[in-house]
């Protein structure tokens, strides 16, 4: 099954970094200057976007993801 995680069709940003957590969640840095943040997808549920598909605001456009457990 193929599913598009996120498609950026404009000129306002880029996907910077992807990391998958051991829980099966995929974390994506979205550097869109109009709506930057971290997007999260559940890879165990057909790449379903979490947070209603909206990026989680982290203050500035994200460049890296690190998991601290």
N, C-alpha and C. Protein backbone atom coordinates (compact mmCIF):
# COMPACT_ATOMS: atom_id res chain seq x y z
N UNK A 1 0.85 -1.17 0.00
CA UNK A 1 0.00 0.00 0.00
C UNK A 1 0.90 1.23 0.00
N UNK A 2 0.64 2.14 -0.92
CA UNK A 2 1.42 3.38 -1.02
C UNK A 2 0.54 4.54 -0.59
N UNK A 3 1.08 5.39 0.25
CA UNK A 3 0.34 6.55 0.72
C UNK A 3 1.27 7.76 0.73
N UNK A 4 0.81 8.90 0.22
CA UNK A 4 1.59 10.13 0.27
C UNK A 4 1.53 10.71 1.67
N UNK A 5 2.68 10.94 2.27
CA UNK A 5 2.70 11.50 3.61
C UNK A 5 2.38 12.98 3.59
N UNK A 6 3.07 13.72 2.78
CA UNK A 6 2.85 15.16 2.73
C UNK A 6 3.41 15.66 1.42
N UNK A 7 2.69 16.48 0.74
CA UNK A 7 3.15 17.02 -0.53
C UNK A 7 3.19 18.53 -0.44
N UNK A 8 4.33 19.10 -0.70
CA UNK A 8 4.50 20.55 -0.64
C UNK A 8 4.52 21.05 -2.08
N UNK A 9 3.44 21.65 -2.55
CA UNK A 9 3.33 22.09 -3.93
C UNK A 9 3.68 23.56 -4.12
N UNK A 10 4.15 24.22 -3.09
CA UNK A 10 4.42 25.65 -3.23
C UNK A 10 5.92 25.92 -3.10
N UNK A 11 6.28 27.16 -3.08
CA UNK A 11 7.68 27.56 -3.01
C UNK A 11 8.08 28.07 -1.64
N UNK A 12 7.29 27.78 -0.62
CA UNK A 12 7.50 28.39 0.69
C UNK A 12 8.19 27.51 1.71
N UNK A 13 8.71 26.37 1.34
CA UNK A 13 9.35 25.55 2.35
C UNK A 13 9.87 24.25 1.80
N UNK A 14 10.34 23.41 2.72
CA UNK A 14 10.86 22.12 2.33
C UNK A 14 10.82 21.18 3.51
N UNK A 15 10.88 19.88 3.22
CA UNK A 15 10.99 18.88 4.28
C UNK A 15 12.47 18.71 4.56
N UNK A 16 12.87 18.87 5.81
CA UNK A 16 14.28 18.94 6.15
C UNK A 16 14.81 17.62 6.70
N UNK A 17 14.12 17.02 7.64
CA UNK A 17 14.61 15.80 8.27
C UNK A 17 13.44 14.88 8.60
N UNK A 18 13.69 13.59 8.47
CA UNK A 18 12.72 12.55 8.80
C UNK A 18 13.36 11.62 9.82
N UNK A 19 12.62 11.25 10.86
CA UNK A 19 13.10 10.24 11.80
C UNK A 19 11.92 9.38 12.22
N UNK A 20 12.17 8.08 12.32
CA UNK A 20 11.11 7.18 12.77
C UNK A 20 11.42 6.73 14.20
N UNK A 21 10.42 6.82 15.04
CA UNK A 21 10.51 6.42 16.44
C UNK A 21 10.22 4.93 16.54
N UNK A 22 10.73 4.26 17.57
CA UNK A 22 10.49 2.81 17.71
C UNK A 22 9.01 2.47 17.87
N UNK A 23 8.17 3.46 18.16
CA UNK A 23 6.73 3.23 18.30
C UNK A 23 6.03 3.17 16.94
N UNK A 24 6.78 3.45 15.86
CA UNK A 24 6.17 3.44 14.53
C UNK A 24 5.72 4.80 14.07
N UNK A 25 5.98 5.83 14.84
CA UNK A 25 5.61 7.19 14.45
C UNK A 25 6.75 7.80 13.63
N UNK A 26 6.41 8.43 12.51
CA UNK A 26 7.38 9.12 11.68
C UNK A 26 7.29 10.61 11.95
N UNK A 27 8.40 11.23 12.32
CA UNK A 27 8.46 12.65 12.64
C UNK A 27 9.16 13.36 11.47
N UNK A 28 8.55 14.44 10.99
CA UNK A 28 9.03 15.14 9.81
C UNK A 28 9.17 16.63 10.13
N UNK A 29 10.35 17.18 9.85
CA UNK A 29 10.56 18.64 9.97
C UNK A 29 9.98 19.29 8.72
N UNK A 30 8.99 20.13 8.90
CA UNK A 30 8.39 20.86 7.78
C UNK A 30 8.78 22.32 7.94
N UNK A 31 9.59 22.83 7.00
CA UNK A 31 10.11 24.19 7.11
C UNK A 31 9.33 25.18 6.25
N UNK A 32 8.07 24.92 6.01
CA UNK A 32 7.23 25.86 5.28
C UNK A 32 7.21 27.17 6.05
N UNK A 33 7.59 28.29 5.41
CA UNK A 33 7.71 29.55 6.15
C UNK A 33 6.37 30.10 6.61
N UNK A 34 5.28 29.66 6.01
CA UNK A 34 3.96 30.14 6.43
C UNK A 34 3.35 29.30 7.55
N UNK A 35 3.78 28.03 7.68
CA UNK A 35 3.21 27.14 8.68
C UNK A 35 4.23 26.05 9.04
N UNK A 36 5.38 26.44 9.66
CA UNK A 36 6.41 25.45 9.96
C UNK A 36 6.07 24.63 11.20
N UNK A 37 6.75 23.51 11.34
CA UNK A 37 6.59 22.70 12.55
C UNK A 37 6.96 21.26 12.30
N UNK A 38 6.62 20.42 13.27
CA UNK A 38 6.87 18.99 13.19
C UNK A 38 5.57 18.29 12.82
N UNK A 39 5.62 17.50 11.77
CA UNK A 39 4.46 16.68 11.38
C UNK A 39 4.74 15.26 11.86
N UNK A 40 3.67 14.58 12.31
CA UNK A 40 3.82 13.22 12.81
C UNK A 40 2.83 12.32 12.07
N UNK A 41 3.34 11.16 11.62
CA UNK A 41 2.52 10.19 10.91
C UNK A 41 2.66 8.84 11.60
N UNK A 42 1.57 8.08 11.65
CA UNK A 42 1.57 6.75 12.25
C UNK A 42 1.80 5.73 11.15
N UNK A 43 3.02 5.20 11.05
CA UNK A 43 3.35 4.26 9.99
C UNK A 43 2.68 2.90 10.18
N UNK A 44 2.18 2.63 11.38
CA UNK A 44 1.48 1.37 11.64
C UNK A 44 0.01 1.46 11.27
N UNK A 45 -0.48 2.65 10.97
CA UNK A 45 -1.87 2.89 10.60
C UNK A 45 -1.97 3.53 9.22
N UNK A 46 -1.28 2.95 8.23
CA UNK A 46 -1.33 3.41 6.84
C UNK A 46 -0.90 4.88 6.71
N UNK A 47 0.12 5.26 7.47
CA UNK A 47 0.70 6.62 7.43
C UNK A 47 -0.30 7.71 7.77
N UNK A 48 -1.22 7.40 8.66
CA UNK A 48 -2.24 8.36 9.08
C UNK A 48 -1.57 9.57 9.75
N UNK A 49 -1.87 10.80 9.29
CA UNK A 49 -1.30 11.98 9.94
C UNK A 49 -1.94 12.21 11.31
N UNK A 50 -1.13 12.55 12.28
CA UNK A 50 -1.63 12.88 13.61
C UNK A 50 -1.76 14.39 13.73
N UNK A 51 -2.37 14.86 14.79
CA UNK A 51 -2.58 16.30 15.02
C UNK A 51 -3.42 16.91 13.89
N UNK A 52 -4.39 16.15 13.42
CA UNK A 52 -5.28 16.59 12.32
C UNK A 52 -4.52 16.99 11.07
N UNK A 53 -3.32 16.45 10.88
CA UNK A 53 -2.52 16.75 9.69
C UNK A 53 -1.78 18.05 9.75
N UNK A 54 -1.96 18.80 10.82
CA UNK A 54 -1.29 20.09 10.96
C UNK A 54 0.08 19.92 11.62
N UNK A 55 1.04 20.77 11.29
CA UNK A 55 2.33 20.68 11.97
C UNK A 55 2.22 21.20 13.40
N UNK A 56 3.02 20.63 14.29
CA UNK A 56 3.09 21.10 15.67
C UNK A 56 4.09 22.24 15.71
N UNK A 57 3.64 23.40 16.16
CA UNK A 57 4.47 24.60 16.21
C UNK A 57 5.56 24.42 17.26
N UNK A 58 6.81 24.63 16.85
CA UNK A 58 7.95 24.54 17.78
C UNK A 58 8.68 25.87 17.89
N UNK A 59 8.05 26.94 17.44
CA UNK A 59 8.61 28.28 17.58
C UNK A 59 9.30 28.79 16.33
N UNK A 60 10.23 28.02 15.81
CA UNK A 60 10.96 28.37 14.60
C UNK A 60 10.86 27.20 13.62
N UNK A 61 11.15 27.40 12.35
CA UNK A 61 11.18 26.27 11.43
C UNK A 61 12.21 25.23 11.90
N UNK A 62 11.80 23.98 12.09
CA UNK A 62 12.69 22.96 12.64
C UNK A 62 13.73 22.50 11.63
N UNK A 63 14.92 22.12 12.15
CA UNK A 63 15.98 21.60 11.29
C UNK A 63 16.44 20.20 11.69
N UNK A 64 16.09 19.76 12.89
CA UNK A 64 16.57 18.47 13.37
C UNK A 64 15.57 17.89 14.36
N UNK A 65 15.60 16.58 14.48
CA UNK A 65 14.74 15.88 15.44
C UNK A 65 15.61 14.95 16.27
N UNK A 66 15.46 15.00 17.59
CA UNK A 66 16.17 14.10 18.49
C UNK A 66 15.18 13.55 19.50
N UNK A 67 15.21 12.24 19.70
CA UNK A 67 14.33 11.62 20.69
C UNK A 67 15.10 11.47 21.99
N UNK A 68 14.49 11.92 23.10
CA UNK A 68 15.07 11.77 24.43
C UNK A 68 14.13 10.91 25.22
N UNK A 69 14.60 9.76 25.64
CA UNK A 69 13.73 8.85 26.38
C UNK A 69 14.36 8.42 27.67
